[in-house]
Amino acid sequence: MHGQCQRIGEAAGKIYQALENGSKTLEALAKETHLNDAALFNQAIGWLCREDKLRFEKKGTSSEVTLTTSSAGSCCK
């Protein structure tokens, strides 16, 4: 199980770094980070969300993800 937690943490790090360059749709984020394993990608998104690092905004038919600032709120609040 420890190995899976490490994989999720590494995937979360890739996602976080990609979002430092600005908000992205989930589809673009998965492509940019080369996280082709949907389960791993979703677990990493959940990890960051639980840590209050992400905010989601509906844009048409897509969801855009951005890093939160301390005053912006998160997806889990």
PDB file of N, CA and C in Angstrom:
ATOM      1  N   MET A   1       0.823  -1.195   0.000  1.00  0.00           N
ATOM      2  CA  MET A   1       0.000   0.000   0.000  1.00  0.00           C
ATOM      3  C   MET A   1       0.868   1.261   0.000  1.00  0.00           C
ATOM      4  N   HIS A   2       2.011   1.197   0.663  1.00  0.00           N
ATOM      5  CA  HIS A   2       2.893   2.355   0.718  1.00  0.00           C
ATOM      6  C   HIS A   2       3.314   2.793  -0.678  1.00  0.00           C
ATOM      7  N   GLY A   3       3.557   1.852  -1.565  1.00  0.00           N
ATOM      8  CA  GLY A   3       3.947   2.170  -2.935  1.00  0.00           C
ATOM      9  C   GLY A   3       2.860   2.936  -3.667  1.00  0.00           C
ATOM     10  N   GLN A   4       1.609   2.550  -3.453  1.00  0.00           N
ATOM     11  CA  GLN A   4       0.492   3.246  -4.104  1.00  0.00           C
ATOM     12  C   GLN A   4       0.369   4.672  -3.571  1.00  0.00           C
ATOM     13  N   CYS A   5       0.540   4.854  -2.283  1.00  0.00           N
ATOM     14  CA  CYS A   5       0.492   6.208  -1.712  1.00  0.00           C
ATOM     15  C   CYS A   5       1.600   7.078  -2.301  1.00  0.00           C
ATOM     16  N   GLN A   6       2.750   6.500  -2.517  1.00  0.00           N
ATOM     17  CA  GLN A   6       3.856   7.248  -3.110  1.00  0.00           C
ATOM     18  C   GLN A   6       3.519   7.630  -4.548  1.00  0.00           C
ATOM     19  N   ARG A   7       2.924   6.710  -5.304  1.00  0.00           N
ATOM     20  CA  ARG A   7       2.531   7.005  -6.691  1.00  0.00           C
ATOM     21  C   ARG A   7       1.496   8.127  -6.739  1.00  0.00           C
ATOM     22  N   ILE A   8       0.551   8.087  -5.817  1.00  0.00           N
ATOM     23  CA  ILE A   8      -0.483   9.130  -5.771  1.00  0.00           C
ATOM     24  C   ILE A   8       0.158  10.475  -5.428  1.00  0.00           C
ATOM     25  N   GLY A   9       1.054  10.477  -4.459  1.00  0.00           N
ATOM     26  CA  GLY A   9       1.741  11.707  -4.074  1.00  0.00           C
ATOM     27  C   GLY A   9       2.571  12.290  -5.210  1.00  0.00           C
ATOM     28  N   GLU A  10       3.248  11.428  -5.951  1.00  0.00           N
ATOM     29  CA  GLU A  10       4.041  11.899  -7.091  1.00  0.00           C
ATOM     30  C   GLU A  10       3.130  12.476  -8.182  1.00  0.00           C
ATOM     31  N   ALA A  11       2.001  11.827  -8.426  1.00  0.00           N
ATOM     32  CA  ALA A  11       1.039  12.321  -9.413  1.00  0.00           C
ATOM     33  C   ALA A  11       0.465  13.665  -8.963  1.00  0.00           C
ATOM     34  N   ALA A  12       0.177  13.788  -7.676  1.00  0.00           N
ATOM     35  CA  ALA A  12      -0.323  15.056  -7.140  1.00  0.00           C
ATOM     36  C   ALA A  12       0.708  16.157  -7.337  1.00  0.00           C
ATOM     37  N   GLY A  13       1.980  15.837  -7.165  1.00  0.00           N
ATOM     38  CA  GLY A  13       3.045  16.815  -7.391  1.00  0.00           C
ATOM     39  C   GLY A  13       3.090  17.279  -8.835  1.00  0.00           C
ATOM     40  N   LYS A  14       2.932  16.360  -9.783  1.00  0.00           N
ATOM     41  CA  LYS A  14       2.897  16.726 -11.202  1.00  0.00           C
ATOM     42  C   LYS A  14       1.725  17.658 -11.502  1.00  0.00           C
ATOM     43  N   ILE A  15       0.581  17.331 -10.936  1.00  0.00           N
ATOM     44  CA  ILE A  15      -0.615  18.147 -11.156  1.00  0.00           C
ATOM     45  C   ILE A  15      -0.409  19.539 -10.568  1.00  0.00           C
ATOM     46  N   TYR A  16       0.106  19.591  -9.356  1.00  0.00           N
ATOM     47  CA  TYR A  16       0.341  20.877  -8.695  1.00  0.00           C
ATOM     48  C   TYR A  16       1.286  21.744  -9.530  1.00  0.00           C
ATOM     49  N   GLN A  17       2.376  21.158  -9.997  1.00  0.00           N
ATOM     50  CA  GLN A  17       3.344  21.908 -10.802  1.00  0.00           C
ATOM     51  C   GLN A  17       2.717  22.412 -12.093  1.00  0.00           C
ATOM     52  N   ALA A  18       1.902  21.601 -12.725  1.00  0.00           N
ATOM     53  CA  ALA A  18       1.244  22.022 -13.965  1.00  0.00           C
ATOM     54  C   ALA A  18       0.298  23.190 -13.706  1.00  0.00           C
ATOM     55  N   LEU A  19      -0.371  23.183 -12.567  1.00  0.00           N
ATOM     56  CA  LEU A  19      -1.326  24.246 -12.245  1.00  0.00           C
ATOM     57  C   LEU A  19      -0.646  25.530 -11.789  1.00  0.00           C
ATOM     58  N   GLU A  20       0.631  25.456 -11.463  1.00  0.00           N
ATOM     59  CA  GLU A  20       1.358  26.682 -11.106  1.00  0.00           C
ATOM     60  C   GLU A  20       1.443  27.624 -12.307  1.00  0.00           C
ATOM     61  N   ASN A  21       1.280  27.093 -13.509  1.00  0.00           N
ATOM     62  CA  ASN A  21       1.309  27.899 -14.732  1.00  0.00           C
ATOM     63  C   ASN A  21      -0.069  28.443 -15.100  1.00  0.00           C
ATOM     64  N   GLY A  22      -1.081  28.186 -14.287  1.00  0.00           N
ATOM     65  CA  GLY A  22      -2.429  28.691 -14.548  1.00  0.00           C
ATOM     66  C   GLY A  22      -3.451  27.578 -14.563  1.00  0.00           C
ATOM     67  N   SER A  23      -4.720  27.981 -14.560  1.00  0.00           N
ATOM     68  CA  SER A  23      -5.805  27.013 -14.512  1.00  0.00           C
ATOM     69  C   SER A  23      -5.901  26.233 -15.817  1.00  0.00           C
ATOM     70  N   LYS A  24      -6.474  25.027 -15.699  1.00  0.00           N
ATOM     71  CA  LYS A  24      -6.606  24.135 -16.848  1.00  0.00           C
ATOM     72  C   LYS A  24      -7.865  23.293 -16.687  1.00  0.00           C
ATOM     73  N   THR A  25      -8.366  22.801 -17.809  1.00  0.00           N
ATOM     74  CA  THR A  25      -9.452  21.832 -17.723  1.00  0.00           C
ATOM     75  C   THR A  25      -8.860  20.514 -17.238  1.00  0.00           C
ATOM     76  N   LEU A  26      -9.710  19.652 -16.719  1.00  0.00           N
ATOM     77  CA  LEU A  26      -9.232  18.347 -16.266  1.00  0.00           C
ATOM     78  C   LEU A  26      -8.606  17.571 -17.423  1.00  0.00           C
ATOM     79  N   GLU A  27      -9.212  17.667 -18.597  1.00  0.00           N
ATOM     80  CA  GLU A  27      -8.690  16.953 -19.763  1.00  0.00           C
ATOM     81  C   GLU A  27      -7.295  17.452 -20.129  1.00  0.00           C
ATOM     82  N   ALA A  28      -7.111  18.769 -20.176  1.00  0.00           N
ATOM     83  CA  ALA A  28      -5.809  19.346 -20.509  1.00  0.00           C
ATOM     84  C   ALA A  28      -4.776  18.999 -19.443  1.00  0.00           C
ATOM     85  N   LEU A  29      -5.204  18.981 -18.198  1.00  0.00           N
ATOM     86  CA  LEU A  29      -4.308  18.670 -17.093  1.00  0.00           C
ATOM     87  C   LEU A  29      -3.812  17.223 -17.181  1.00  0.00           C
ATOM     88  N   ALA A  30      -4.707  16.304 -17.487  1.00  0.00           N
ATOM     89  CA  ALA A  30      -4.316  14.899 -17.623  1.00  0.00           C
ATOM     90  C   ALA A  30      -3.334  14.732 -18.782  1.00  0.00           C
ATOM     91  N   LYS A  31      -3.586  15.434 -19.882  1.00  0.00           N
ATOM     92  CA  LYS A  31      -2.686  15.351 -21.045  1.00  0.00           C
ATOM     93  C   LYS A  31      -1.318  15.932 -20.728  1.00  0.00           C
ATOM     94  N   GLU A  32      -1.312  17.112 -20.126  1.00  0.00           N
ATOM     95  CA  GLU A  32      -0.036  17.794 -19.847  1.00  0.00           C
ATOM     96  C   GLU A  32       0.838  17.018 -18.871  1.00  0.00           C
ATOM     97  N   THR A  33       0.214  16.371 -17.907  1.00  0.00           N
ATOM     98  CA  THR A  33       0.975  15.643 -16.890  1.00  0.00           C
ATOM     99  C   THR A  33       1.276  14.204 -17.308  1.00  0.00           C
ATOM    100  N   HIS A  34       0.708  13.779 -18.435  1.00  0.00           N
ATOM    101  CA  HIS A  34       0.905  12.417 -18.942  1.00  0.00           C
ATOM    102  C   HIS A  34       0.430  11.366 -17.943  1.00  0.00           C
ATOM    103  N   LEU A  35      -0.602  11.720 -17.174  1.00  0.00           N
ATOM    104  CA  LEU A  35      -1.182  10.765 -16.230  1.00  0.00           C
ATOM    105  C   LEU A  35      -2.337  10.066 -16.938  1.00  0.00           C
ATOM    106  N   ASN A  36      -2.018   8.958 -17.604  1.00  0.00           N
ATOM    107  CA  ASN A  36      -2.986   8.234 -18.418  1.00  0.00           C
ATOM    108  C   ASN A  36      -3.838   7.260 -17.620  1.00  0.00           C
ATOM    109  N   ASP A  37      -3.424   6.952 -16.411  1.00  0.00           N
ATOM    110  CA  ASP A  37      -4.187   6.068 -15.532  1.00  0.00           C
ATOM    111  C   ASP A  37      -5.258   6.915 -14.845  1.00  0.00           C
ATOM    112  N   ALA A  38      -6.510   6.751 -15.271  1.00  0.00           N
ATOM    113  CA  ALA A  38      -7.602   7.595 -14.770  1.00  0.00           C
ATOM    114  C   ALA A  38      -7.766   7.474 -13.255  1.00  0.00           C
ATOM    115  N   ALA A  39      -7.620   6.281 -12.726  1.00  0.00           N
ATOM    116  CA  ALA A  39      -7.767   6.098 -11.277  1.00  0.00           C
ATOM    117  C   ALA A  39      -6.688   6.861 -10.527  1.00  0.00           C
ATOM    118  N   LEU A  40      -5.454   6.763 -10.991  1.00  0.00           N
ATOM    119  CA  LEU A  40      -4.348   7.473 -10.346  1.00  0.00           C
ATOM    120  C   LEU A  40      -4.551   8.982 -10.449  1.00  0.00           C
ATOM    121  N   PHE A  41      -4.957   9.462 -11.611  1.00  0.00           N
ATOM    122  CA  PHE A  41      -5.215  10.886 -11.810  1.00  0.00           C
ATOM    123  C   PHE A  41      -6.292  11.375 -10.836  1.00  0.00           C
ATOM    124  N   ASN A  42      -7.389  10.643 -10.742  1.00  0.00           N
ATOM    125  CA  ASN A  42      -8.486  11.045  -9.850  1.00  0.00           C
ATOM    126  C   ASN A  42      -8.085  10.988  -8.385  1.00  0.00           C
ATOM    127  N   GLN A  43      -7.280  10.005  -8.017  1.00  0.00           N
ATOM    128  CA  GLN A  43      -6.802   9.928  -6.631  1.00  0.00           C
ATOM    129  C   GLN A  43      -5.905  11.116  -6.305  1.00  0.00           C
ATOM    130  N   ALA A  44      -5.068  11.507  -7.243  1.00  0.00           N
ATOM    131  CA  ALA A  44      -4.178  12.655  -7.028  1.00  0.00           C
ATOM    132  C   ALA A  44      -4.979  13.949  -6.925  1.00  0.00           C
ATOM    133  N   ILE A  45      -6.005  14.092  -7.770  1.00  0.00           N
ATOM    134  CA  ILE A  45      -6.890  15.264  -7.690  1.00  0.00           C
ATOM    135  C   ILE A  45      -7.565  15.292  -6.316  1.00  0.00           C
ATOM    136  N   GLY A  46      -8.048  14.143  -5.868  1.00  0.00           N
ATOM    137  CA  GLY A  46      -8.682  14.046  -4.552  1.00  0.00           C
ATOM    138  C   GLY A  46      -7.724  14.400  -3.425  1.00  0.00           C
ATOM    139  N   TRP A  47      -6.505  13.961  -3.525  1.00  0.00           N
ATOM    140  CA  TRP A  47      -5.464  14.257  -2.522  1.00  0.00           C
ATOM    141  C   TRP A  47      -5.302  15.772  -2.404  1.00  0.00           C
ATOM    142  N   LEU A  48      -5.109  16.436  -3.560  1.00  0.00           N
ATOM    143  CA  LEU A  48      -4.904  17.884  -3.551  1.00  0.00           C
ATOM    144  C   LEU A  48      -6.145  18.626  -3.074  1.00  0.00           C
ATOM    145  N   CYS A  49      -7.297  18.128  -3.453  1.00  0.00           N
ATOM    146  CA  CYS A  49      -8.542  18.761  -3.012  1.00  0.00           C
ATOM    147  C   CYS A  49      -8.693  18.651  -1.496  1.00  0.00           C
ATOM    148  N   ARG A  50      -8.416  17.486  -0.980  1.00  0.00           N
ATOM    149  CA  ARG A  50      -8.534  17.269   0.463  1.00  0.00           C
ATOM    150  C   ARG A  50      -7.568  18.163   1.242  1.00  0.00           C
ATOM    151  N   GLU A  51      -6.442  18.497   0.630  1.00  0.00           N
ATOM    152  CA  GLU A  51      -5.471  19.400   1.252  1.00  0.00           C
ATOM    153  C   GLU A  51      -5.802  20.869   0.988  1.00  0.00           C
ATOM    154  N   ASP A  52      -6.991  21.122   0.442  1.00  0.00           N
ATOM    155  CA  ASP A  52      -7.462  22.488   0.150  1.00  0.00           C
ATOM    156  C   ASP A  52      -6.552  23.224  -0.829  1.00  0.00           C
ATOM    157  N   LYS A  53      -6.029  22.497  -1.812  1.00  0.00           N
ATOM    158  CA  LYS A  53      -5.124  23.095  -2.798  1.00  0.00           C
ATOM    159  C   LYS A  53      -5.825  23.453  -4.106  1.00  0.00           C
ATOM    160  N   LEU A  54      -7.048  22.916  -4.336  1.00  0.00           N
ATOM    161  CA  LEU A  54      -7.712  23.093  -5.624  1.00  0.00           C
ATOM    162  C   LEU A  54      -9.070  23.775  -5.505  1.00  0.00           C
ATOM    163  N   ARG A  55      -9.411  24.450  -6.594  1.00  0.00           N
ATOM    164  CA  ARG A  55     -10.741  25.039  -6.737  1.00  0.00           C
ATOM    165  C   ARG A  55     -11.229  24.674  -8.134  1.00  0.00           C
ATOM    166  N   PHE A  56     -12.492  24.300  -8.252  1.00  0.00           N
ATOM    167  CA  PHE A  56     -13.084  23.920  -9.527  1.00  0.00           C
ATOM    168  C   PHE A  56     -14.098  24.975  -9.952  1.00  0.00           C
ATOM    169  N   GLU A  57     -14.132  25.228 -11.249  1.00  0.00           N
ATOM    170  CA  GLU A  57     -15.110  26.152 -11.798  1.00  0.00           C
ATOM    171  C   GLU A  57     -15.648  25.558 -13.095  1.00  0.00           C
ATOM    172  N   LYS A  58     -16.962  25.548 -13.216  1.00  0.00           N
ATOM    173  CA  LYS A  58     -17.597  25.012 -14.416  1.00  0.00           C
ATOM    174  C   LYS A  58     -17.423  26.006 -15.551  1.00  0.00           C
ATOM    175  N   LYS A  59     -16.902  25.553 -16.683  1.00  0.00           N
ATOM    176  CA  LYS A  59     -16.704  26.369 -17.883  1.00  0.00           C
ATOM    177  C   LYS A  59     -17.359  25.628 -19.039  1.00  0.00           C
ATOM    178  N   GLY A  60     -18.593  25.978 -19.357  1.00  0.00           N
ATOM    179  CA  GLY A  60     -19.308  25.269 -20.411  1.00  0.00           C
ATOM    180  C   GLY A  60     -19.558  23.836 -19.993  1.00  0.00           C
ATOM    181  N   THR A  61     -19.067  22.908 -20.788  1.00  0.00           N
ATOM    182  CA  THR A  61     -19.249  21.493 -20.466  1.00  0.00           C
ATOM    183  C   THR A  61     -18.049  20.914 -19.725  1.00  0.00           C
ATOM    184  N   SER A  62     -17.040  21.722 -19.466  1.00  0.00           N
ATOM    185  CA  SER A  62     -15.826  21.262 -18.787  1.00  0.00           C
ATOM    186  C   SER A  62     -15.716  21.871 -17.398  1.00  0.00           C
ATOM    187  N   SER A  63     -14.863  21.282 -16.603  1.00  0.00           N
ATOM    188  CA  SER A  63     -14.508  21.842 -15.306  1.00  0.00           C
ATOM    189  C   SER A  63     -13.083  22.347 -15.392  1.00  0.00           C
ATOM    190  N   GLU A  64     -12.869  23.573 -14.937  1.00  0.00           N
ATOM    191  CA  GLU A  64     -11.525  24.133 -14.909  1.00  0.00           C
ATOM    192  C   GLU A  64     -11.015  24.071 -13.479  1.00  0.00           C
ATOM    193  N   VAL A  65      -9.757  23.691 -13.347  1.00  0.00           N
ATOM    194  CA  VAL A  65      -9.134  23.531 -12.035  1.00  0.00           C
ATOM    195  C   VAL A  65      -8.061  24.592 -11.881  1.00  0.00           C
ATOM    196  N   THR A  66      -7.995  25.169 -10.701  1.00  0.00           N
ATOM    197  CA  THR A  66      -6.953  26.145 -10.404  1.00  0.00           C
ATOM    198  C   THR A  66      -6.458  25.910  -8.982  1.00  0.00           C
ATOM    199  N   LEU A  67      -5.255  26.362  -8.700  1.00  0.00           N
ATOM    200  CA  LEU A  67      -4.738  26.296  -7.335  1.00  0.00           C
ATOM    201  C   LEU A  67      -5.438  27.351  -6.506  1.00  0.00           C
ATOM    202  N   THR A  68      -5.694  27.038  -5.266  1.00  0.00           N
ATOM    203  CA  THR A  68      -6.345  27.989  -4.385  1.00  0.00           C
ATOM    204  C   THR A  68      -5.318  28.933  -3.784  1.00  0.00           C
ATOM    205  N   THR A  69      -5.800  30.085  -3.395  1.00  0.00           N
ATOM    206  CA  THR A  69      -5.020  30.979  -2.561  1.00  0.00           C
ATOM    207  C   THR A  69      -5.640  30.866  -1.174  1.00  0.00           C
ATOM    208  N   SER A  70      -4.978  31.354  -0.195  1.00  0.00           N
ATOM    209  CA  SER A  70      -5.477  31.198   1.165  1.00  0.00           C
ATOM    210  C   SER A  70      -6.867  31.800   1.352  1.00  0.00           C
ATOM    211  N   SER A  71      -7.226  32.811   0.570  1.00  0.00           N
ATOM    212  CA  SER A  71      -8.522  33.468   0.749  1.00  0.00           C
ATOM    213  C   SER A  71      -9.562  33.016  -0.268  1.00  0.00           C
ATOM    214  N   ALA A  72      -9.176  32.189  -1.248  1.00  0.00           N
ATOM    215  CA  ALA A  72     -10.082  31.834  -2.335  1.00  0.00           C
ATOM    216  C   ALA A  72     -11.019  30.679  -2.007  1.00  0.00           C
ATOM    217  N   GLY A  73     -10.746  29.927  -0.994  1.00  0.00           N
ATOM    218  CA  GLY A  73     -11.574  28.761  -0.720  1.00  0.00           C
ATOM    219  C   GLY A  73     -11.126  27.585  -1.558  1.00  0.00           C
ATOM    220  N   SER A  74     -11.744  26.444  -1.318  1.00  0.00           N
ATOM    221  CA  SER A  74     -11.328  25.247  -2.037  1.00  0.00           C
ATOM    222  C   SER A  74     -12.536  24.439  -2.440  1.00  0.00           C
ATOM    223  N   CYS A  75     -12.280  23.298  -3.038  1.00  0.00           N
ATOM    224  CA  CYS A  75     -13.365  22.428  -3.486  1.00  0.00           C
ATOM    225  C   CYS A  75     -14.003  21.679  -2.323  1.00  0.00           C
ATOM    226  N   CYS A  76     -13.353  21.598  -1.220  1.00  0.00           N
ATOM    227  CA  CYS A  76     -13.844  20.774  -0.110  1.00  0.00           C
ATOM    228  C   CYS A  76     -14.561  21.575   0.971  1.00  0.00           C
ATOM    229  N   LYS A  77     -14.709  22.846   0.797  1.00  0.00           N
ATOM    230  CA  LYS A  77     -15.359  23.677   1.823  1.00  0.00           C
ATOM    231  C   LYS A  77     -16.741  24.056   1.368  1.00  0.00           C
TER     232      LYS A  77
END
